[in-house]
Amino acid sequence: MIAAWVVRAVSAIAFVLLLPLLAWSRLPLREFSTFTAPSQLLAFIPGYTGILLRRVWYKCTLQRCGDNLTVDWLGVIRLRQSKVGHRCTFGVGAWVGWVDVGDDVMTGNGVTLLSGAGQHSFSDLTRPMREQFGEKRQLVVGNDVWIGANATILADVSSGTVVGAGSIVTKTFPEGNIIAGNPAKILSRRERNSA
């Protein structure tokens, strides 16, 4: 077990290393340049060092960031307006848009949390789709949620939900369900163990 003072020392060193990126993030440039680009750069640092650097970066820059955040290798939280609770883990290659994530949320590798399902529009046939902007919204993920590998989340996820690997969540389900599929549907309820 790593002593608490070692973790504090490494965090302090990480903070000093991140000072140039933190200064860059305060420049009056577009959001992509000042937040997303440094987040993507930090995503390339592997191992525990990378996890610590990302933890300090997001703690200093997100609207709210709880304790013990783990953003694994190649994982990115894209917008500084995002909120993340305590003890959350985003797996390898996770892509996290505009979110409000509760406590104790885990994701597998390759999970995508989009900023809602209506980010792009394509209804006007007189204009190219790339010029038709939709509407982003903050996606809410409740407490104690487990999202399996390669799932894509387009709608809010209620507390206590398990999302199966490879699922595409297009609507919100009641708390405490196990959901999976494309589109996701309820497979069963989570049951309490009676010991």
N, C-alpha and C. Protein backbone atom coordinates (compact mmCIF):
# COMPACT_ATOMS: atom_id res chain seq x y z
N MET A 1 0.85 -1.18 0.00
CA MET A 1 0.00 0.00 0.00
C MET A 1 0.89 1.24 0.00
N ILE A 2 0.55 2.20 -0.81
CA ILE A 2 1.34 3.42 -0.93
C ILE A 2 1.01 4.35 0.22
N ALA A 3 2.06 4.86 0.83
CA ALA A 3 1.86 5.78 1.94
C ALA A 3 1.19 7.06 1.44
N ALA A 4 0.38 7.66 2.30
CA ALA A 4 -0.36 8.88 1.95
C ALA A 4 0.59 10.00 1.56
N TRP A 5 1.74 10.09 2.21
CA TRP A 5 2.67 11.18 1.90
C TRP A 5 3.25 11.01 0.50
N VAL A 6 3.42 9.78 0.03
CA VAL A 6 3.94 9.56 -1.33
C VAL A 6 2.91 10.04 -2.35
N VAL A 7 1.65 9.72 -2.11
CA VAL A 7 0.59 10.16 -3.01
C VAL A 7 0.52 11.69 -3.04
N ARG A 8 0.63 12.32 -1.88
CA ARG A 8 0.60 13.79 -1.82
C ARG A 8 1.80 14.39 -2.56
N ALA A 9 2.97 13.79 -2.39
CA ALA A 9 4.18 14.30 -3.06
C ALA A 9 4.05 14.17 -4.57
N VAL A 10 3.58 13.03 -5.04
CA VAL A 10 3.40 12.83 -6.47
C VAL A 10 2.34 13.78 -7.01
N SER A 11 1.28 14.00 -6.26
CA SER A 11 0.24 14.95 -6.68
C SER A 11 0.78 16.36 -6.77
N ALA A 12 1.63 16.75 -5.84
CA ALA A 12 2.25 18.09 -5.87
C ALA A 12 3.14 18.24 -7.09
N ILE A 13 3.92 17.21 -7.38
CA ILE A 13 4.80 17.26 -8.56
C ILE A 13 3.94 17.32 -9.83
N ALA A 14 2.88 16.54 -9.86
CA ALA A 14 1.97 16.55 -11.01
C ALA A 14 1.38 17.93 -11.21
N PHE A 15 0.98 18.58 -10.12
CA PHE A 15 0.41 19.92 -10.21
C PHE A 15 1.41 20.90 -10.82
N VAL A 16 2.66 20.82 -10.38
CA VAL A 16 3.70 21.72 -10.92
C VAL A 16 3.89 21.46 -12.41
N LEU A 17 3.88 20.19 -12.82
CA LEU A 17 4.02 19.85 -14.22
C LEU A 17 2.84 20.34 -15.05
N LEU A 18 1.67 20.44 -14.42
CA LEU A 18 0.47 20.85 -15.13
C LEU A 18 0.27 22.37 -15.17
N LEU A 19 1.09 23.12 -14.45
CA LEU A 19 0.91 24.58 -14.41
C LEU A 19 0.86 25.23 -15.80
N PRO A 20 1.75 24.85 -16.73
CA PRO A 20 1.64 25.46 -18.06
C PRO A 20 0.30 25.16 -18.75
N LEU A 21 -0.20 23.93 -18.59
CA LEU A 21 -1.50 23.60 -19.19
C LEU A 21 -2.63 24.36 -18.51
N LEU A 22 -2.54 24.52 -17.20
CA LEU A 22 -3.57 25.28 -16.48
C LEU A 22 -3.58 26.74 -16.93
N ALA A 23 -2.39 27.31 -17.14
CA ALA A 23 -2.30 28.68 -17.64
C ALA A 23 -2.90 28.77 -19.04
N TRP A 24 -2.58 27.79 -19.88
CA TRP A 24 -3.12 27.74 -21.24
C TRP A 24 -4.65 27.67 -21.21
N SER A 25 -5.19 26.91 -20.27
CA SER A 25 -6.65 26.72 -20.21
C SER A 25 -7.39 28.00 -19.85
N ARG A 26 -6.69 28.99 -19.32
CA ARG A 26 -7.32 30.26 -18.93
C ARG A 26 -7.28 31.31 -20.04
N LEU A 27 -6.59 30.99 -21.15
CA LEU A 27 -6.52 31.95 -22.25
C LEU A 27 -7.89 32.10 -22.91
N PRO A 28 -8.18 33.30 -23.43
CA PRO A 28 -9.50 33.53 -24.05
C PRO A 28 -9.57 32.97 -25.47
N LEU A 29 -9.38 31.66 -25.59
CA LEU A 29 -9.47 30.98 -26.87
C LEU A 29 -10.71 30.10 -26.89
N ARG A 30 -10.95 29.45 -28.00
CA ARG A 30 -12.10 28.54 -28.09
C ARG A 30 -11.94 27.39 -27.10
N GLU A 31 -13.05 26.85 -26.64
CA GLU A 31 -13.07 25.76 -25.66
C GLU A 31 -12.20 24.59 -26.10
N PHE A 32 -12.24 24.26 -27.40
CA PHE A 32 -11.46 23.12 -27.87
C PHE A 32 -9.97 23.35 -27.64
N SER A 33 -9.51 24.57 -27.91
CA SER A 33 -8.08 24.88 -27.76
C SER A 33 -7.65 24.90 -26.31
N THR A 34 -8.49 25.45 -25.45
CA THR A 34 -8.04 25.68 -24.07
C THR A 34 -8.34 24.55 -23.11
N PHE A 35 -9.29 23.69 -23.41
CA PHE A 35 -9.59 22.60 -22.49
C PHE A 35 -9.46 21.22 -23.12
N THR A 36 -10.12 21.03 -24.25
CA THR A 36 -10.12 19.71 -24.87
C THR A 36 -8.73 19.32 -25.35
N ALA A 37 -8.01 20.22 -25.95
CA ALA A 37 -6.67 19.88 -26.46
C ALA A 37 -5.73 19.43 -25.33
N PRO A 38 -5.61 20.17 -24.22
CA PRO A 38 -4.77 19.66 -23.12
C PRO A 38 -5.28 18.35 -22.53
N SER A 39 -6.60 18.17 -22.48
CA SER A 39 -7.17 16.91 -21.98
C SER A 39 -6.75 15.75 -22.87
N GLN A 40 -6.77 15.98 -24.19
CA GLN A 40 -6.37 14.94 -25.12
C GLN A 40 -4.87 14.66 -25.02
N LEU A 41 -4.09 15.69 -24.83
CA LEU A 41 -2.64 15.52 -24.67
C LEU A 41 -2.34 14.67 -23.43
N LEU A 42 -2.99 14.98 -22.33
CA LEU A 42 -2.78 14.22 -21.09
C LEU A 42 -3.27 12.78 -21.20
N ALA A 43 -4.21 12.53 -22.11
CA ALA A 43 -4.75 11.17 -22.28
C ALA A 43 -3.68 10.19 -22.78
N PHE A 44 -2.62 10.70 -23.40
CA PHE A 44 -1.58 9.84 -23.96
C PHE A 44 -0.57 9.34 -22.94
N ILE A 45 -0.60 9.87 -21.73
CA ILE A 45 0.38 9.47 -20.72
C ILE A 45 -0.11 8.20 -20.05
N PRO A 46 0.65 7.10 -20.17
CA PRO A 46 0.17 5.81 -19.66
C PRO A 46 0.42 5.63 -18.17
N GLY A 47 -0.17 4.59 -17.63
CA GLY A 47 0.11 4.14 -16.27
C GLY A 47 -0.40 5.04 -15.17
N TYR A 48 0.11 4.76 -13.97
CA TYR A 48 -0.32 5.47 -12.77
C TYR A 48 0.05 6.95 -12.84
N THR A 49 1.18 7.26 -13.47
CA THR A 49 1.58 8.67 -13.62
C THR A 49 0.53 9.43 -14.42
N GLY A 50 0.07 8.84 -15.51
CA GLY A 50 -0.95 9.48 -16.32
C GLY A 50 -2.26 9.66 -15.57
N ILE A 51 -2.64 8.63 -14.82
CA ILE A 51 -3.88 8.72 -14.03
C ILE A 51 -3.79 9.87 -13.02
N LEU A 52 -2.63 9.99 -12.35
CA LEU A 52 -2.46 11.08 -11.37
C LEU A 52 -2.48 12.44 -12.05
N LEU A 53 -1.80 12.58 -13.19
CA LEU A 53 -1.80 13.86 -13.89
C LEU A 53 -3.21 14.25 -14.33
N ARG A 54 -3.93 13.28 -14.87
CA ARG A 54 -5.32 13.57 -15.28
C ARG A 54 -6.19 13.90 -14.08
N ARG A 55 -5.98 13.21 -12.96
CA ARG A 55 -6.76 13.48 -11.74
C ARG A 55 -6.56 14.93 -11.30
N VAL A 56 -5.31 15.38 -11.28
CA VAL A 56 -5.02 16.76 -10.87
C VAL A 56 -5.60 17.75 -11.88
N TRP A 57 -5.42 17.46 -13.17
CA TRP A 57 -5.93 18.34 -14.23
C TRP A 57 -7.44 18.54 -14.09
N TYR A 58 -8.19 17.45 -13.98
CA TYR A 58 -9.63 17.57 -13.91
C TYR A 58 -10.09 18.17 -12.59
N LYS A 59 -9.37 17.89 -11.51
CA LYS A 59 -9.72 18.49 -10.22
C LYS A 59 -9.59 20.01 -10.29
N CYS A 60 -8.60 20.49 -11.05
CA CYS A 60 -8.36 21.93 -11.17
C CYS A 60 -9.22 22.62 -12.22
N THR A 61 -9.80 21.86 -13.14
CA THR A 61 -10.46 22.51 -14.28
C THR A 61 -11.95 22.22 -14.42
N LEU A 62 -12.43 21.07 -13.99
CA LEU A 62 -13.86 20.76 -14.15
C LEU A 62 -14.72 21.62 -13.24
N GLN A 63 -15.97 21.79 -13.60
CA GLN A 63 -16.90 22.55 -12.76
C GLN A 63 -17.00 21.91 -11.37
N ARG A 64 -17.03 20.57 -11.32
CA ARG A 64 -16.99 19.85 -10.05
C ARG A 64 -16.29 18.52 -10.31
N CYS A 65 -15.37 18.17 -9.42
CA CYS A 65 -14.66 16.90 -9.55
C CYS A 65 -14.43 16.33 -8.16
N GLY A 66 -15.00 15.16 -7.91
CA GLY A 66 -14.86 14.50 -6.62
C GLY A 66 -13.50 13.88 -6.42
N ASP A 67 -13.33 13.23 -5.28
CA ASP A 67 -12.07 12.58 -4.94
C ASP A 67 -11.93 11.25 -5.67
N ASN A 68 -10.68 10.86 -5.88
CA ASN A 68 -10.33 9.56 -6.45
C ASN A 68 -10.89 9.31 -7.84
N LEU A 69 -10.87 10.32 -8.69
CA LEU A 69 -11.25 10.15 -10.08
C LEU A 69 -10.15 9.38 -10.80
N THR A 70 -10.53 8.39 -11.60
CA THR A 70 -9.59 7.68 -12.46
C THR A 70 -10.06 7.83 -13.89
N VAL A 71 -9.25 8.49 -14.71
CA VAL A 71 -9.47 8.54 -16.14
C VAL A 71 -8.30 7.78 -16.73
N ASP A 72 -8.58 6.59 -17.26
CA ASP A 72 -7.53 5.70 -17.73
C ASP A 72 -6.93 6.21 -19.05
N TRP A 73 -5.92 5.50 -19.51
CA TRP A 73 -5.16 5.85 -20.71
C TRP A 73 -6.10 6.09 -21.89
N LEU A 74 -5.87 7.15 -22.63
CA LEU A 74 -6.64 7.58 -23.80
C LEU A 74 -8.06 8.04 -23.47
N GLY A 75 -8.41 8.14 -22.19
CA GLY A 75 -9.72 8.65 -21.80
C GLY A 75 -9.71 10.17 -21.75
N VAL A 76 -10.82 10.78 -22.15
CA VAL A 76 -10.91 12.25 -22.20
C VAL A 76 -12.28 12.70 -21.69
N ILE A 77 -12.27 13.68 -20.81
CA ILE A 77 -13.49 14.42 -20.47
C ILE A 77 -13.40 15.69 -21.29
N ARG A 78 -14.36 15.90 -22.16
CA ARG A 78 -14.22 16.91 -23.21
C ARG A 78 -14.54 18.35 -22.79
N LEU A 79 -15.45 18.55 -21.84
CA LEU A 79 -15.90 19.91 -21.52
C LEU A 79 -15.68 20.25 -20.05
N ARG A 80 -15.16 21.43 -19.80
CA ARG A 80 -14.91 21.87 -18.43
C ARG A 80 -16.19 22.06 -17.63
N GLN A 81 -17.36 22.18 -18.29
CA GLN A 81 -18.63 22.35 -17.60
C GLN A 81 -19.13 21.04 -16.98
N SER A 82 -18.43 19.96 -17.25
CA SER A 82 -18.83 18.66 -16.71
C SER A 82 -18.64 18.60 -15.20
N LYS A 83 -19.44 17.72 -14.58
CA LYS A 83 -19.37 17.49 -13.14
C LYS A 83 -19.20 15.99 -12.92
N VAL A 84 -18.26 15.63 -12.03
CA VAL A 84 -17.98 14.22 -11.75
C VAL A 84 -17.94 14.04 -10.25
N GLY A 85 -18.60 13.00 -9.76
CA GLY A 85 -18.65 12.71 -8.34
C GLY A 85 -17.42 12.00 -7.81
N HIS A 86 -17.52 11.47 -6.62
CA HIS A 86 -16.42 10.77 -5.95
C HIS A 86 -16.29 9.34 -6.45
N ARG A 87 -15.04 8.86 -6.48
CA ARG A 87 -14.71 7.46 -6.77
C ARG A 87 -15.24 6.99 -8.12
N CYS A 88 -15.07 7.81 -9.14
CA CYS A 88 -15.51 7.45 -10.49
C CYS A 88 -14.33 6.96 -11.31
N THR A 89 -14.59 6.01 -12.19
CA THR A 89 -13.56 5.45 -13.06
C THR A 89 -14.07 5.43 -14.50
N PHE A 90 -13.30 6.06 -15.39
CA PHE A 90 -13.57 6.01 -16.82
C PHE A 90 -12.47 5.15 -17.44
N GLY A 91 -12.85 4.09 -18.14
CA GLY A 91 -11.91 3.12 -18.66
C GLY A 91 -11.08 3.63 -19.83
N VAL A 92 -10.21 2.74 -20.32
CA VAL A 92 -9.32 3.05 -21.43
C VAL A 92 -10.14 3.53 -22.63
N GLY A 93 -9.75 4.68 -23.19
CA GLY A 93 -10.40 5.20 -24.38
C GLY A 93 -11.80 5.75 -24.19
N ALA A 94 -12.19 6.03 -22.96
CA ALA A 94 -13.53 6.60 -22.72
C ALA A 94 -13.59 8.02 -23.28
N TRP A 95 -14.72 8.37 -23.88
CA TRP A 95 -14.95 9.72 -24.39
C TRP A 95 -16.16 10.27 -23.66
N VAL A 96 -15.95 11.33 -22.89
CA VAL A 96 -16.98 11.86 -22.00
C VAL A 96 -17.31 13.29 -22.41
N GLY A 97 -18.55 13.50 -22.83
CA GLY A 97 -19.00 14.83 -23.23
C GLY A 97 -19.45 15.65 -22.04
N TRP A 98 -20.54 16.42 -22.22
CA TRP A 98 -21.06 17.29 -21.17
C TRP A 98 -21.91 16.43 -20.24
N VAL A 99 -21.40 16.15 -19.05
CA VAL A 99 -22.05 15.21 -18.13
C VAL A 99 -22.15 15.76 -16.72
N ASP A 100 -23.06 15.16 -15.96
CA ASP A 100 -23.15 15.33 -14.52
C ASP A 100 -23.20 13.92 -13.96
N VAL A 101 -22.05 13.42 -13.53
CA VAL A 101 -21.90 12.04 -13.11
C VAL A 101 -21.92 11.98 -11.59
N GLY A 102 -22.70 11.05 -11.03
CA GLY A 102 -22.79 10.87 -9.59
C GLY A 102 -21.57 10.17 -9.02
N ASP A 103 -21.69 9.68 -7.80
CA ASP A 103 -20.61 8.98 -7.12
C ASP A 103 -20.59 7.50 -7.53
N ASP A 104 -19.40 6.89 -7.42
CA ASP A 104 -19.22 5.45 -7.61
C ASP A 104 -19.68 4.95 -8.98
N VAL A 105 -19.33 5.69 -10.02
CA VAL A 105 -19.66 5.30 -11.39
C VAL A 105 -18.44 4.66 -12.02
N MET A 106 -18.62 3.51 -12.67
CA MET A 106 -17.53 2.81 -13.36
C MET A 106 -17.92 2.63 -14.82
N THR A 107 -16.95 2.82 -15.71
CA THR A 107 -17.19 2.49 -17.11
C THR A 107 -16.10 1.53 -17.58
N GLY A 108 -16.46 0.70 -18.53
CA GLY A 108 -15.49 -0.15 -19.17
C GLY A 108 -14.72 0.64 -20.22
N ASN A 109 -13.91 -0.06 -20.98
CA ASN A 109 -13.11 0.57 -22.02
C ASN A 109 -13.98 0.95 -23.22
N GLY A 110 -13.62 2.05 -23.87
CA GLY A 110 -14.29 2.46 -25.09
C GLY A 110 -15.70 2.99 -24.93
N VAL A 111 -16.07 3.38 -23.73
CA VAL A 111 -17.42 3.91 -23.48
C VAL A 111 -17.50 5.36 -23.98
N THR A 112 -18.64 5.71 -24.58
CA THR A 112 -18.88 7.07 -25.05
C THR A 112 -20.10 7.63 -24.34
N LEU A 113 -19.91 8.74 -23.62
CA LEU A 113 -21.02 9.45 -22.99
C LEU A 113 -21.20 10.75 -23.77
N LEU A 114 -22.22 10.80 -24.61
CA LEU A 114 -22.43 11.96 -25.47
C LEU A 114 -23.17 13.06 -24.72
N SER A 115 -23.17 14.25 -25.31
CA SER A 115 -23.89 15.39 -24.74
C SER A 115 -25.33 15.38 -25.25
N GLY A 116 -26.05 14.31 -24.97
CA GLY A 116 -27.42 14.16 -25.43
C GLY A 116 -27.48 13.56 -26.83
N ALA A 117 -28.70 13.23 -27.26
CA ALA A 117 -28.90 12.58 -28.56
C ALA A 117 -29.12 13.56 -29.69
N GLY A 118 -29.30 14.85 -29.38
CA GLY A 118 -29.64 15.81 -30.43
C GLY A 118 -28.52 16.77 -30.79
N GLN A 119 -27.29 16.32 -30.76
CA GLN A 119 -26.16 17.22 -31.03
C GLN A 119 -26.09 17.69 -32.48
N HIS A 120 -26.65 16.90 -33.37
CA HIS A 120 -26.60 17.24 -34.79
C HIS A 120 -27.99 17.13 -35.39
N SER A 121 -28.24 17.95 -36.41
CA SER A 121 -29.51 17.92 -37.10
C SER A 121 -29.24 17.57 -38.57
N PHE A 122 -30.23 17.04 -39.24
CA PHE A 122 -30.06 16.69 -40.66
C PHE A 122 -31.36 16.84 -41.43
N SER A 123 -32.30 17.62 -40.89
CA SER A 123 -33.64 17.72 -41.48
C SER A 123 -33.73 18.70 -42.65
N ASP A 124 -32.83 19.66 -42.76
CA ASP A 124 -32.87 20.66 -43.82
C ASP A 124 -32.08 20.15 -45.01
N LEU A 125 -32.78 19.72 -46.05
CA LEU A 125 -32.12 19.14 -47.22
C LEU A 125 -31.45 20.19 -48.10
N THR A 126 -31.66 21.48 -47.81
CA THR A 126 -31.04 22.54 -48.61
C THR A 126 -29.65 22.92 -48.09
N ARG A 127 -29.29 22.42 -46.94
CA ARG A 127 -27.97 22.73 -46.36
C ARG A 127 -27.23 21.44 -46.05
N PRO A 128 -25.89 21.48 -46.15
CA PRO A 128 -25.12 20.29 -45.77
C PRO A 128 -25.34 19.98 -44.28
N MET A 129 -25.30 18.70 -43.93
CA MET A 129 -25.51 18.29 -42.53
C MET A 129 -24.48 18.92 -41.60
N ARG A 130 -23.26 19.12 -42.07
CA ARG A 130 -22.22 19.69 -41.19
C ARG A 130 -22.54 21.12 -40.77
N GLU A 131 -23.46 21.77 -41.47
CA GLU A 131 -23.87 23.14 -41.12
C GLU A 131 -25.14 23.17 -40.28
N GLN A 132 -25.70 22.02 -39.99
CA GLN A 132 -26.95 21.95 -39.23
C GLN A 132 -26.63 21.52 -37.80
N PHE A 133 -26.62 22.48 -36.94
CA PHE A 133 -26.25 22.21 -35.56
C PHE A 133 -27.48 21.84 -34.75
N GLY A 134 -27.32 20.89 -33.90
CA GLY A 134 -28.40 20.47 -33.01
C GLY A 134 -28.29 21.19 -31.68
N GLU A 135 -28.67 20.48 -30.64
CA GLU A 135 -28.64 21.07 -29.31
C GLU A 135 -27.97 20.10 -28.34
N LYS A 136 -26.94 20.59 -27.68
CA LYS A 136 -26.27 19.78 -26.66
C LYS A 136 -27.01 19.95 -25.35
N ARG A 137 -26.99 18.89 -24.55
CA ARG A 137 -27.56 18.99 -23.21
C ARG A 137 -26.70 18.16 -22.27
N GLN A 138 -26.77 18.53 -21.01
CA GLN A 138 -25.97 17.81 -20.01
C GLN A 138 -26.60 16.46 -19.72
N LEU A 139 -25.82 15.41 -19.92
CA LEU A 139 -26.24 14.04 -19.65
C LEU A 139 -26.04 13.76 -18.16
N VAL A 140 -27.04 13.19 -17.51
CA VAL A 140 -26.96 12.90 -16.07
C VAL A 140 -26.81 11.40 -15.88
N VAL A 141 -25.78 11.01 -15.13
CA VAL A 141 -25.55 9.61 -14.76
C VAL A 141 -25.62 9.56 -13.24
N GLY A 142 -26.55 8.75 -12.70
CA GLY A 142 -26.77 8.69 -11.26
C GLY A 142 -25.63 8.02 -10.50
N ASN A 143 -25.85 7.77 -9.23
CA ASN A 143 -24.86 7.12 -8.36
C ASN A 143 -24.86 5.62 -8.58
N ASP A 144 -23.72 4.99 -8.31
CA ASP A 144 -23.60 3.52 -8.32
C ASP A 144 -24.06 2.94 -9.66
N VAL A 145 -23.41 3.40 -10.73
CA VAL A 145 -23.73 2.94 -12.07
C VAL A 145 -22.52 2.22 -12.65
N TRP A 146 -22.76 1.13 -13.35
CA TRP A 146 -21.71 0.39 -14.04
C TRP A 146 -22.07 0.34 -15.52
N ILE A 147 -21.20 0.88 -16.36
CA ILE A 147 -21.43 0.91 -17.80
C ILE A 147 -20.38 0.02 -18.46
N GLY A 148 -20.82 -1.03 -19.14
CA GLY A 148 -19.93 -2.00 -19.75
C GLY A 148 -19.17 -1.44 -20.95
N ALA A 149 -18.14 -2.16 -21.35
CA ALA A 149 -17.25 -1.75 -22.43
C ALA A 149 -18.01 -1.45 -23.72
N ASN A 150 -17.54 -0.42 -24.41
CA ASN A 150 -18.03 -0.03 -25.74
C ASN A 150 -19.50 0.35 -25.78
N ALA A 151 -20.07 0.72 -24.66
CA ALA A 151 -21.45 1.22 -24.64
C ALA A 151 -21.47 2.68 -25.09
N THR A 152 -22.57 3.09 -25.70
CA THR A 152 -22.77 4.49 -26.09
C THR A 152 -24.00 4.99 -25.36
N ILE A 153 -23.83 6.09 -24.63
CA ILE A 153 -24.90 6.62 -23.79
C ILE A 153 -25.39 7.93 -24.39
N LEU A 154 -26.68 7.96 -24.79
CA LEU A 154 -27.30 9.14 -25.40
C LEU A 154 -28.36 9.75 -24.50
N ALA A 155 -28.74 9.03 -23.42
CA ALA A 155 -29.81 9.49 -22.52
C ALA A 155 -29.32 9.34 -21.08
N ASP A 156 -30.03 9.98 -20.15
CA ASP A 156 -29.67 9.89 -18.74
C ASP A 156 -29.71 8.44 -18.26
N VAL A 157 -28.84 8.13 -17.28
CA VAL A 157 -28.78 6.79 -16.70
C VAL A 157 -29.11 6.92 -15.21
N SER A 158 -30.13 6.22 -14.77
CA SER A 158 -30.59 6.31 -13.37
C SER A 158 -29.63 5.61 -12.43
N SER A 159 -29.67 6.01 -11.15
CA SER A 159 -28.83 5.40 -10.12
C SER A 159 -29.06 3.90 -10.05
N GLY A 160 -27.99 3.18 -9.74
CA GLY A 160 -28.09 1.74 -9.55
C GLY A 160 -28.24 0.93 -10.81
N THR A 161 -28.01 1.53 -11.96
CA THR A 161 -28.19 0.84 -13.24
C THR A 161 -26.91 0.14 -13.67
N VAL A 162 -27.06 -1.03 -14.28
CA VAL A 162 -25.97 -1.73 -14.95
C VAL A 162 -26.28 -1.71 -16.43
N VAL A 163 -25.34 -1.20 -17.23
CA VAL A 163 -25.51 -1.13 -18.68
C VAL A 163 -24.58 -2.18 -19.30
N GLY A 164 -25.14 -3.09 -20.06
CA GLY A 164 -24.37 -4.16 -20.67
C GLY A 164 -23.39 -3.65 -21.72
N ALA A 165 -22.31 -4.40 -21.91
CA ALA A 165 -21.28 -4.04 -22.89
C ALA A 165 -21.89 -3.93 -24.28
N GLY A 166 -21.45 -2.93 -25.03
CA GLY A 166 -21.90 -2.73 -26.40
C GLY A 166 -23.29 -2.15 -26.55
N SER A 167 -23.92 -1.79 -25.47
CA SER A 167 -25.30 -1.27 -25.52
C SER A 167 -25.34 0.17 -26.02
N ILE A 168 -26.48 0.54 -26.57
CA ILE A 168 -26.73 1.92 -26.96
C ILE A 168 -27.97 2.38 -26.20
N VAL A 169 -27.75 3.29 -25.26
CA VAL A 169 -28.83 3.76 -24.38
C VAL A 169 -29.45 5.01 -25.00
N THR A 170 -30.72 4.88 -25.42
CA THR A 170 -31.41 5.97 -26.10
C THR A 170 -32.53 6.58 -25.26
N LYS A 171 -32.84 5.95 -24.10
CA LYS A 171 -33.86 6.50 -23.22
C LYS A 171 -33.50 6.16 -21.77
N THR A 172 -34.14 6.87 -20.85
CA THR A 172 -33.87 6.69 -19.43
C THR A 172 -34.79 5.61 -18.86
N PHE A 173 -34.21 4.74 -18.03
CA PHE A 173 -34.95 3.66 -17.39
C PHE A 173 -35.02 3.91 -15.89
N PRO A 174 -35.97 3.29 -15.17
CA PRO A 174 -36.03 3.45 -13.71
C PRO A 174 -34.77 2.91 -13.03
N GLU A 175 -34.57 3.34 -11.80
CA GLU A 175 -33.39 2.93 -11.02
C GLU A 175 -33.34 1.42 -10.82
N GLY A 176 -32.09 0.91 -10.67
CA GLY A 176 -31.87 -0.46 -10.26
C GLY A 176 -32.11 -1.53 -11.30
N ASN A 177 -32.03 -1.18 -12.57
CA ASN A 177 -32.24 -2.16 -13.63
C ASN A 177 -30.94 -2.56 -14.29
N ILE A 178 -30.94 -3.75 -14.89
CA ILE A 178 -29.86 -4.19 -15.76
C ILE A 178 -30.40 -4.04 -17.17
N ILE A 179 -29.72 -3.20 -17.97
CA ILE A 179 -30.19 -2.93 -19.33
C ILE A 179 -29.10 -3.31 -20.32
N ALA A 180 -29.50 -3.68 -21.53
CA ALA A 180 -28.54 -4.03 -22.57
C ALA A 180 -29.24 -4.05 -23.91
N GLY A 181 -28.44 -3.97 -24.97
CA GLY A 181 -28.95 -4.10 -26.32
C GLY A 181 -28.84 -2.83 -27.12
N ASN A 182 -29.29 -2.92 -28.39
CA ASN A 182 -29.28 -1.79 -29.31
C ASN A 182 -30.65 -1.73 -29.99
N PRO A 183 -31.53 -0.83 -29.52
CA PRO A 183 -31.37 0.05 -28.36
C PRO A 183 -31.52 -0.74 -27.06
N ALA A 184 -31.00 -0.18 -26.00
CA ALA A 184 -31.03 -0.86 -24.69
C ALA A 184 -32.47 -1.05 -24.22
N LYS A 185 -32.68 -2.20 -23.58
CA LYS A 185 -33.97 -2.48 -22.94
C LYS A 185 -33.70 -3.18 -21.62
N ILE A 186 -34.71 -3.23 -20.77
CA ILE A 186 -34.54 -3.84 -19.45
C ILE A 186 -34.45 -5.36 -19.59
N LEU A 187 -33.38 -5.93 -19.03
CA LEU A 187 -33.23 -7.38 -18.99
C LEU A 187 -33.73 -7.95 -17.67
N SER A 188 -33.40 -7.26 -16.57
CA SER A 188 -33.84 -7.71 -15.24
C SER A 188 -33.62 -6.60 -14.23
N ARG A 189 -34.07 -6.85 -13.01
CA ARG A 189 -33.86 -5.92 -11.90
C ARG A 189 -32.67 -6.39 -11.09
N ARG A 190 -31.96 -5.46 -10.52
CA ARG A 190 -30.93 -5.83 -9.56
C ARG A 190 -31.62 -6.22 -8.27
N GLU A 191 -31.26 -7.33 -7.72
CA GLU A 191 -31.87 -7.83 -6.49
C GLU A 191 -30.89 -7.75 -5.34
N ARG A 192 -31.39 -7.46 -4.16
CA ARG A 192 -30.55 -7.45 -2.97
C ARG A 192 -30.29 -8.87 -2.51
N ASN A 193 -29.04 -9.15 -2.12
CA ASN A 193 -28.72 -10.46 -1.56
C ASN A 193 -29.27 -10.55 -0.15
N SER A 194 -29.94 -11.63 0.16
CA SER A 194 -30.42 -11.82 1.53
C SER A 194 -29.51 -12.85 2.18
N ALA A 195 -28.62 -12.36 3.04
CA ALA A 195 -27.62 -13.23 3.66
C ALA A 195 -28.11 -13.82 4.95
